[in-house]
Amino acid sequence: MSVGPSQLPLGVGLRDDATLANYLPGDNASLVSHLTGQLQEGGEAFLYLWGGEGVGCSHLLQAACHQADAQGKRALYLPLDTLGHFPPDILEEPERLDLLAIDDLQLVVGRKRWEEALFHGFNRLRDAGKRLVIAADRSPRQLEVKLPDLASRLSWGMVFHVQPLDDAQRLAALQLRARVRGMELPAEVGRYILHRGPRQLDPLFEILSRLDRASLSAKRKLTIPFVKQALEW
């Protein structure tokens, strides 16, 4: 498996904006701390993240790969919603990596070849002293893993239930993302967007991107009247 830092086979890449710098931890500060220190000496060998759609698991896994890249480490992000329909050959020789990040594990659970490849890959990473982080939509005990040895391995690491942000934290996350983009998002404008927009953060961030482009084009600051006009709300 010949890959450069944070690069994927089959043309799947990391999102540029999926970094720890623009992630608001909220009630997930301990998780972010362990993820940040995973590649350091004494860092956790295996982290398991789980949570519902939109809580940020994919963002965190990609951010971990970006962090590894910045440290000159070799990392690979495997989103199984995209790659899970391929044979698990991409898990051969994972010990050549410093960090392997596997997303949406639940999508390959119950498939014999994938479960066996995950089990052997887990062992090879552990024996080589490398790092693994996995995300799924449920806890290890809730996954219907057929291979008992794999089920056992999935309970070895630190398990974090990724908590969704409350309304105040969602506003803070929106303002953080705006600052990273060089925008000023007044609280009243942010609250208006949250009131009228979707609940999930990714669509909200896409709205913010649209507003960024619109404000640059019109050379106007973000105000409620401008947001209404730009988004036709």
C-alpha atoms as a PDB file:
ATOM      1  CA  MET A   1       0.000   0.000   0.000  1.00  0.00           C
ATOM      2  CA  SER A   2       1.983   2.921  -1.285  1.00  0.00           C
ATOM      3  CA  VAL A   3       0.340   6.103  -0.038  1.00  0.00           C
ATOM      4  CA  GLY A   4       1.661   9.510   0.922  1.00  0.00           C
ATOM      5  CA  PRO A   5       0.626  11.272   4.121  1.00  0.00           C
ATOM      6  CA  SER A   6      -3.127  11.701   4.417  1.00  0.00           C
ATOM      7  CA  GLN A   7      -3.795  10.459   0.894  1.00  0.00           C
ATOM      8  CA  LEU A   8      -6.326   7.865  -0.147  1.00  0.00           C
ATOM      9  CA  PRO A   9      -6.520   5.227  -2.817  1.00  0.00           C
ATOM     10  CA  LEU A  10      -9.287   5.487  -5.403  1.00  0.00           C
ATOM     11  CA  GLY A  11      -9.235   9.266  -5.498  1.00  0.00           C
ATOM     12  CA  VAL A  12     -10.953   9.889  -2.152  1.00  0.00           C
ATOM     13  CA  GLY A  13      -9.413  12.843  -0.321  1.00  0.00           C
ATOM     14  CA  LEU A  14      -9.625  14.770   2.902  1.00  0.00           C
ATOM     15  CA  ARG A  15     -11.711  17.892   3.215  1.00  0.00           C
ATOM     16  CA  ASP A  16      -9.504  20.955   3.616  1.00  0.00           C
ATOM     17  CA  ASP A  17     -11.786  22.395   6.305  1.00  0.00           C
ATOM     18  CA  ALA A  18     -11.848  19.222   8.430  1.00  0.00           C
ATOM     19  CA  THR A  19      -9.310  20.370  11.006  1.00  0.00           C
ATOM     20  CA  LEU A  20      -9.150  20.568  14.776  1.00  0.00           C
ATOM     21  CA  ALA A  21      -8.667  24.344  14.519  1.00  0.00           C
ATOM     22  CA  ASN A  22     -12.250  24.852  13.360  1.00  0.00           C
ATOM     23  CA  TYR A  23     -13.872  22.153  15.486  1.00  0.00           C
ATOM     24  CA  LEU A  24     -15.743  23.324  18.567  1.00  0.00           C
ATOM     25  CA  PRO A  25     -15.381  20.547  21.172  1.00  0.00           C
ATOM     26  CA  GLY A  26     -18.438  21.416  23.245  1.00  0.00           C
ATOM     27  CA  ASP A  27     -18.839  18.485  25.627  1.00  0.00           C
ATOM     28  CA  ASN A  28     -16.208  16.464  23.728  1.00  0.00           C
ATOM     29  CA  ALA A  29     -13.109  18.124  25.169  1.00  0.00           C
ATOM     30  CA  SER A  30     -11.678  14.880  26.578  1.00  0.00           C
ATOM     31  CA  LEU A  31     -12.079  13.145  23.223  1.00  0.00           C
ATOM     32  CA  VAL A  32     -10.343  15.988  21.363  1.00  0.00           C
ATOM     33  CA  SER A  33      -7.518  15.950  23.910  1.00  0.00           C
ATOM     34  CA  HIS A  34      -6.908  12.226  23.403  1.00  0.00           C
ATOM     35  CA  LEU A  35      -7.180  12.552  19.626  1.00  0.00           C
ATOM     36  CA  THR A  36      -4.704  15.436  19.626  1.00  0.00           C
ATOM     37  CA  GLY A  37      -2.198  13.439  21.658  1.00  0.00           C
ATOM     38  CA  GLN A  38      -2.686  10.078  19.991  1.00  0.00           C
ATOM     39  CA  LEU A  39       0.458  10.261  17.851  1.00  0.00           C
ATOM     40  CA  GLN A  40       2.622  11.459  20.713  1.00  0.00           C
ATOM     41  CA  GLU A  41       4.685   9.104  22.839  1.00  0.00           C
ATOM     42  CA  GLY A  42       2.322   7.479  25.305  1.00  0.00           C
ATOM     43  CA  GLY A  43      -0.734   8.320  23.181  1.00  0.00           C
ATOM     44  CA  GLU A  44      -3.645   5.922  23.030  1.00  0.00           C
ATOM     45  CA  ALA A  45      -3.115   3.106  20.531  1.00  0.00           C
ATOM     46  CA  PHE A  46      -6.818   2.806  19.695  1.00  0.00           C
ATOM     47  CA  LEU A  47      -9.698   5.268  19.918  1.00  0.00           C
ATOM     48  CA  TYR A  48     -13.291   4.394  19.093  1.00  0.00           C
ATOM     49  CA  LEU A  49     -15.751   7.222  18.390  1.00  0.00           C
ATOM     50  CA  TRP A  50     -19.468   6.752  17.979  1.00  0.00           C
ATOM     51  CA  GLY A  51     -22.496   8.954  17.564  1.00  0.00           C
ATOM     52  CA  GLY A  52     -25.445   9.859  15.399  1.00  0.00           C
ATOM     53  CA  GLU A  53     -25.372  11.596  12.032  1.00  0.00           C
ATOM     54  CA  GLY A  54     -23.983  15.099  12.102  1.00  0.00           C
ATOM     55  CA  VAL A  55     -22.120  14.971  15.434  1.00  0.00           C
ATOM     56  CA  GLY A  56     -18.733  15.336  13.740  1.00  0.00           C
ATOM     57  CA  CYS A  57     -17.125  11.877  13.746  1.00  0.00           C
ATOM     58  CA  SER A  58     -16.000  12.156  10.115  1.00  0.00           C
ATOM     59  CA  HIS A  59     -14.642  15.651  10.740  1.00  0.00           C
ATOM     60  CA  LEU A  60     -12.603  14.406  13.698  1.00  0.00           C
ATOM     61  CA  LEU A  61     -11.125  11.443  11.817  1.00  0.00           C
ATOM     62  CA  GLN A  62     -10.092  13.623   8.905  1.00  0.00           C
ATOM     63  CA  ALA A  63      -8.707  16.227  11.317  1.00  0.00           C
ATOM     64  CA  ALA A  64      -6.575  13.512  12.914  1.00  0.00           C
ATOM     65  CA  CYS A  65      -5.146  12.682   9.476  1.00  0.00           C
ATOM     66  CA  HIS A  66      -4.440  16.340   8.748  1.00  0.00           C
ATOM     67  CA  GLN A  67      -2.673  16.576  12.095  1.00  0.00           C
ATOM     68  CA  ALA A  68      -0.575  13.518  11.278  1.00  0.00           C
ATOM     69  CA  ASP A  69       0.335  15.031   7.929  1.00  0.00           C
ATOM     70  CA  ALA A  70       1.452  18.252   9.627  1.00  0.00           C
ATOM     71  CA  GLN A  71       3.728  16.181  11.863  1.00  0.00           C
ATOM     72  CA  GLY A  72       5.293  14.405   8.902  1.00  0.00           C
ATOM     73  CA  LYS A  73       3.469  11.157   9.718  1.00  0.00           C
ATOM     74  CA  ARG A  74       1.797   8.736   7.334  1.00  0.00           C
ATOM     75  CA  ALA A  75      -1.970   8.562   7.754  1.00  0.00           C
ATOM     76  CA  LEU A  76      -4.840   7.026   5.829  1.00  0.00           C
ATOM     77  CA  TYR A  77      -8.536   7.880   6.090  1.00  0.00           C
ATOM     78  CA  LEU A  78     -10.912   5.127   4.956  1.00  0.00           C
ATOM     79  CA  PRO A  79     -14.548   6.257   4.606  1.00  0.00           C
ATOM     80  CA  LEU A  80     -16.432   2.978   4.298  1.00  0.00           C
ATOM     81  CA  ASP A  81     -19.515   4.669   2.871  1.00  0.00           C
ATOM     82  CA  THR A  82     -17.326   5.202  -0.209  1.00  0.00           C
ATOM     83  CA  LEU A  83     -14.865   2.312  -0.025  1.00  0.00           C
ATOM     84  CA  GLY A  84     -16.844  -0.392   1.763  1.00  0.00           C
ATOM     85  CA  HIS A  85     -18.140  -1.921  -1.470  1.00  0.00           C
ATOM     86  CA  PHE A  86     -14.557  -2.690  -2.548  1.00  0.00           C
ATOM     87  CA  PRO A  87     -12.665  -5.758  -1.308  1.00  0.00           C
ATOM     88  CA  PRO A  88     -10.747  -5.085   1.915  1.00  0.00           C
ATOM     89  CA  ASP A  89      -7.363  -5.266   0.146  1.00  0.00           C
ATOM     90  CA  ILE A  90      -6.764  -1.644   1.196  1.00  0.00           C
ATOM     91  CA  LEU A  91      -6.165  -2.992   4.712  1.00  0.00           C
ATOM     92  CA  GLU A  92      -3.077  -4.917   3.674  1.00  0.00           C
ATOM     93  CA  GLU A  93       0.120  -3.848   5.444  1.00  0.00           C
ATOM     94  CA  PRO A  94      -1.478  -1.127   7.608  1.00  0.00           C
ATOM     95  CA  GLU A  95       1.631  -1.141   9.783  1.00  0.00           C
ATOM     96  CA  ARG A  96       3.326   0.993   7.104  1.00  0.00           C
ATOM     97  CA  LEU A  97       1.148   3.831   8.370  1.00  0.00           C
ATOM     98  CA  ASP A  98       1.478   5.838  11.565  1.00  0.00           C
ATOM     99  CA  LEU A  99      -2.294   6.326  11.809  1.00  0.00           C
ATOM    100  CA  LEU A 100      -5.231   4.508  10.249  1.00  0.00           C
ATOM    101  CA  ALA A 101      -8.655   6.190  10.512  1.00  0.00           C
ATOM    102  CA  ILE A 102     -11.670   4.047   9.597  1.00  0.00           C
ATOM    103  CA  ASP A 103     -15.032   5.775   9.250  1.00  0.00           C
ATOM    104  CA  ASP A 104     -18.563   4.272   9.264  1.00  0.00           C
ATOM    105  CA  LEU A 105     -17.437   0.872  10.513  1.00  0.00           C
ATOM    106  CA  GLN A 106     -21.059  -0.292  10.816  1.00  0.00           C
ATOM    107  CA  LEU A 107     -21.324  -0.493   7.013  1.00  0.00           C
ATOM    108  CA  VAL A 108     -19.031  -3.541   6.749  1.00  0.00           C
ATOM    109  CA  VAL A 109     -19.989  -5.313   9.982  1.00  0.00           C
ATOM    110  CA  GLY A 110     -21.278  -8.809   9.273  1.00  0.00           C
ATOM    111  CA  ARG A 111     -19.245  -9.204   6.083  1.00  0.00           C
ATOM    112  CA  LYS A 112     -16.776 -12.033   6.609  1.00  0.00           C
ATOM    113  CA  ARG A 113     -13.883 -10.773   4.452  1.00  0.00           C
ATOM    114  CA  TRP A 114     -14.049  -7.293   5.931  1.00  0.00           C
ATOM    115  CA  GLU A 115     -14.288  -8.518   9.506  1.00  0.00           C
ATOM    116  CA  GLU A 116     -11.298 -10.821   9.045  1.00  0.00           C
ATOM    117  CA  ALA A 117      -9.281  -8.054   7.357  1.00  0.00           C
ATOM    118  CA  LEU A 118     -10.125  -5.640  10.178  1.00  0.00           C
ATOM    119  CA  PHE A 119      -9.104  -8.181  12.792  1.00  0.00           C
ATOM    120  CA  HIS A 120      -5.740  -8.882  11.155  1.00  0.00           C
ATOM    121  CA  GLY A 121      -5.184  -5.194  10.437  1.00  0.00           C
ATOM    122  CA  PHE A 122      -5.870  -4.349  14.081  1.00  0.00           C
ATOM    123  CA  ASN A 123      -3.304  -6.919  15.212  1.00  0.00           C
ATOM    124  CA  ARG A 124      -0.643  -5.732  12.779  1.00  0.00           C
ATOM    125  CA  LEU A 125      -1.077  -2.103  13.839  1.00  0.00           C
ATOM    126  CA  ARG A 126      -0.880  -3.054  17.508  1.00  0.00           C
ATOM    127  CA  ASP A 127       2.206  -5.225  17.050  1.00  0.00           C
ATOM    128  CA  ALA A 128       3.942  -2.398  15.142  1.00  0.00           C
ATOM    129  CA  GLY A 129       3.066   0.196  17.789  1.00  0.00           C
ATOM    130  CA  LYS A 130       0.977   2.238  15.335  1.00  0.00           C
ATOM    131  CA  ARG A 131      -2.303   4.099  15.933  1.00  0.00           C
ATOM    132  CA  LEU A 132      -5.901   3.357  14.986  1.00  0.00           C
ATOM    133  CA  VAL A 133      -9.039   5.462  15.280  1.00  0.00           C
ATOM    134  CA  ILE A 134     -12.454   4.121  14.287  1.00  0.00           C
ATOM    135  CA  ALA A 135     -15.845   5.804  14.024  1.00  0.00           C
ATOM    136  CA  ALA A 136     -19.281   4.204  13.837  1.00  0.00           C
ATOM    137  CA  ASP A 137     -22.892   5.092  14.469  1.00  0.00           C
ATOM    138  CA  ARG A 138     -23.132   2.906  17.579  1.00  0.00           C
ATOM    139  CA  SER A 139     -20.980   1.599  20.395  1.00  0.00           C
ATOM    140  CA  PRO A 140     -18.812  -1.526  19.999  1.00  0.00           C
ATOM    141  CA  ARG A 141     -21.266  -3.566  22.092  1.00  0.00           C
ATOM    142  CA  GLN A 142     -24.164  -2.530  19.852  1.00  0.00           C
ATOM    143  CA  LEU A 143     -22.457  -3.619  16.641  1.00  0.00           C
ATOM    144  CA  GLU A 144     -23.543  -7.056  15.432  1.00  0.00           C
ATOM    145  CA  VAL A 145     -20.011  -8.266  14.777  1.00  0.00           C
ATOM    146  CA  LYS A 146     -19.912 -11.886  13.651  1.00  0.00           C
ATOM    147  CA  LEU A 147     -16.215 -12.547  14.351  1.00  0.00           C
ATOM    148  CA  PRO A 148     -15.797 -12.878  18.140  1.00  0.00           C
ATOM    149  CA  ASP A 149     -12.099 -11.961  18.061  1.00  0.00           C
ATOM    150  CA  LEU A 150     -12.878  -8.699  16.237  1.00  0.00           C
ATOM    151  CA  ALA A 151     -15.669  -7.887  18.677  1.00  0.00           C
ATOM    152  CA  SER A 152     -13.169  -8.341  21.490  1.00  0.00           C
ATOM    153  CA  ARG A 153     -10.596  -6.076  19.818  1.00  0.00           C
ATOM    154  CA  LEU A 154     -13.127  -3.279  19.352  1.00  0.00           C
ATOM    155  CA  SER A 155     -13.564  -3.056  23.118  1.00  0.00           C
ATOM    156  CA  TRP A 156      -9.849  -2.727  23.832  1.00  0.00           C
ATOM    157  CA  GLY A 157      -9.461   0.968  23.200  1.00  0.00           C
ATOM    158  CA  MET A 158     -10.901   4.122  24.697  1.00  0.00           C
ATOM    159  CA  VAL A 159     -14.530   4.527  23.627  1.00  0.00           C
ATOM    160  CA  PHE A 160     -16.076   7.988  23.258  1.00  0.00           C
ATOM    161  CA  HIS A 161     -19.739   8.774  22.649  1.00  0.00           C
ATOM    162  CA  VAL A 162     -19.498  11.978  20.594  1.00  0.00           C
ATOM    163  CA  GLN A 163     -21.999  14.437  22.037  1.00  0.00           C
ATOM    164  CA  PRO A 164     -24.017  16.780  19.810  1.00  0.00           C
ATOM    165  CA  LEU A 165     -23.778  20.516  20.409  1.00  0.00           C
ATOM    166  CA  ASP A 166     -26.580  22.386  22.130  1.00  0.00           C
ATOM    167  CA  ASP A 167     -27.983  25.578  20.606  1.00  0.00           C
ATOM    168  CA  ALA A 168     -25.476  27.886  22.306  1.00  0.00           C
ATOM    169  CA  GLN A 169     -22.607  25.632  21.219  1.00  0.00           C
ATOM    170  CA  ARG A 170     -23.959  25.474  17.657  1.00  0.00           C
ATOM    171  CA  LEU A 171     -23.900  29.269  17.538  1.00  0.00           C
ATOM    172  CA  ALA A 172     -20.324  29.258  18.868  1.00  0.00           C
ATOM    173  CA  ALA A 173     -19.356  26.650  16.258  1.00  0.00           C
ATOM    174  CA  LEU A 174     -20.864  28.764  13.485  1.00  0.00           C
ATOM    175  CA  GLN A 175     -19.006  31.845  14.707  1.00  0.00           C
ATOM    176  CA  LEU A 176     -15.755  29.881  14.980  1.00  0.00           C
ATOM    177  CA  ARG A 177     -16.091  28.654  11.408  1.00  0.00           C
ATOM    178  CA  ALA A 178     -16.838  32.226  10.291  1.00  0.00           C
ATOM    179  CA  ARG A 179     -13.685  33.532  12.026  1.00  0.00           C
ATOM    180  CA  VAL A 180     -11.569  30.853  10.377  1.00  0.00           C
ATOM    181  CA  ARG A 181     -12.927  32.078   7.037  1.00  0.00           C
ATOM    182  CA  GLY A 182     -12.110  35.683   7.959  1.00  0.00           C
ATOM    183  CA  MET A 183     -15.755  36.649   8.447  1.00  0.00           C
ATOM    184  CA  GLU A 184     -17.488  38.472  11.267  1.00  0.00           C
ATOM    185  CA  LEU A 185     -20.746  36.775  12.239  1.00  0.00           C
ATOM    186  CA  PRO A 186     -22.692  38.823  14.805  1.00  0.00           C
ATOM    187  CA  ALA A 187     -24.550  36.717  17.366  1.00  0.00           C
ATOM    188  CA  GLU A 188     -27.974  37.972  16.266  1.00  0.00           C
ATOM    189  CA  VAL A 189     -27.225  37.025  12.665  1.00  0.00           C
ATOM    190  CA  GLY A 190     -25.969  33.603  13.762  1.00  0.00           C
ATOM    191  CA  ARG A 191     -29.112  33.006  15.809  1.00  0.00           C
ATOM    192  CA  TYR A 192     -31.240  33.984  12.813  1.00  0.00           C
ATOM    193  CA  ILE A 193     -29.405  31.457  10.614  1.00  0.00           C
ATOM    194  CA  LEU A 194     -29.808  28.757  13.254  1.00  0.00           C
ATOM    195  CA  HIS A 195     -33.519  29.525  13.606  1.00  0.00           C
ATOM    196  CA  ARG A 196     -34.196  29.376   9.874  1.00  0.00           C
ATOM    197  CA  GLY A 197     -31.588  26.846   8.790  1.00  0.00           C
ATOM    198  CA  PRO A 198     -31.147  23.078   9.191  1.00  0.00           C
ATOM    199  CA  ARG A 199     -30.251  21.476  12.510  1.00  0.00           C
ATOM    200  CA  GLN A 200     -27.126  19.687  11.305  1.00  0.00           C
ATOM    201  CA  LEU A 201     -23.833  21.546  11.232  1.00  0.00           C
ATOM    202  CA  ASP A 202     -22.527  20.529   7.799  1.00  0.00           C
ATOM    203  CA  PRO A 203     -25.474  22.105   5.932  1.00  0.00           C
ATOM    204  CA  LEU A 204     -25.132  25.165   8.172  1.00  0.00           C
ATOM    205  CA  PHE A 205     -21.457  25.465   7.269  1.00  0.00           C
ATOM    206  CA  GLU A 206     -22.405  25.231   3.594  1.00  0.00           C
ATOM    207  CA  ILE A 207     -24.830  28.117   4.139  1.00  0.00           C
ATOM    208  CA  LEU A 208     -21.957  30.036   5.707  1.00  0.00           C
ATOM    209  CA  SER A 209     -19.832  29.358   2.618  1.00  0.00           C
ATOM    210  CA  ARG A 210     -22.600  30.712   0.396  1.00  0.00           C
ATOM    211  CA  LEU A 211     -22.865  33.817   2.560  1.00  0.00           C
ATOM    212  CA  ASP A 212     -19.099  34.288   2.450  1.00  0.00           C
ATOM    213  CA  ARG A 213     -19.117  34.276  -1.345  1.00  0.00           C
ATOM    214  CA  ALA A 214     -22.147  36.550  -1.476  1.00  0.00           C
ATOM    215  CA  SER A 215     -20.721  39.065   0.996  1.00  0.00           C
ATOM    216  CA  LEU A 216     -17.411  39.224  -0.857  1.00  0.00           C
ATOM    217  CA  SER A 217     -19.200  39.733  -4.154  1.00  0.00           C
ATOM    218  CA  ALA A 218     -21.514  42.430  -2.770  1.00  0.00           C
ATOM    219  CA  LYS A 219     -18.844  43.880  -0.452  1.00  0.00           C
ATOM    220  CA  ARG A 220     -21.339  43.850   2.388  1.00  0.00           C
ATOM    221  CA  LYS A 221     -21.171  42.728   5.998  1.00  0.00           C
ATOM    222  CA  LEU A 222     -23.353  39.946   7.329  1.00  0.00           C
ATOM    223  CA  THR A 223     -26.606  41.418   8.581  1.00  0.00           C
ATOM    224  CA  ILE A 224     -30.039  39.854   8.896  1.00  0.00           C
ATOM    225  CA  PRO A 225     -31.411  41.813   5.881  1.00  0.00           C
ATOM    226  CA  PHE A 226     -28.403  40.755   3.787  1.00  0.00           C
ATOM    227  CA  VAL A 227     -28.805  37.093   4.846  1.00  0.00           C
ATOM    228  CA  LYS A 228     -32.500  37.225   3.925  1.00  0.00           C
ATOM    229  CA  GLN A 229     -31.617  38.628   0.520  1.00  0.00           C
ATOM    230  CA  ALA A 230     -28.684  36.314  -0.181  1.00  0.00           C
ATOM    231  CA  LEU A 231     -30.496  33.138   0.847  1.00  0.00           C
ATOM    232  CA  GLU A 232     -33.956  34.263  -0.336  1.00  0.00           C
ATOM    233  CA  TRP A 233     -35.406  33.510   3.084  1.00  0.00           C
END
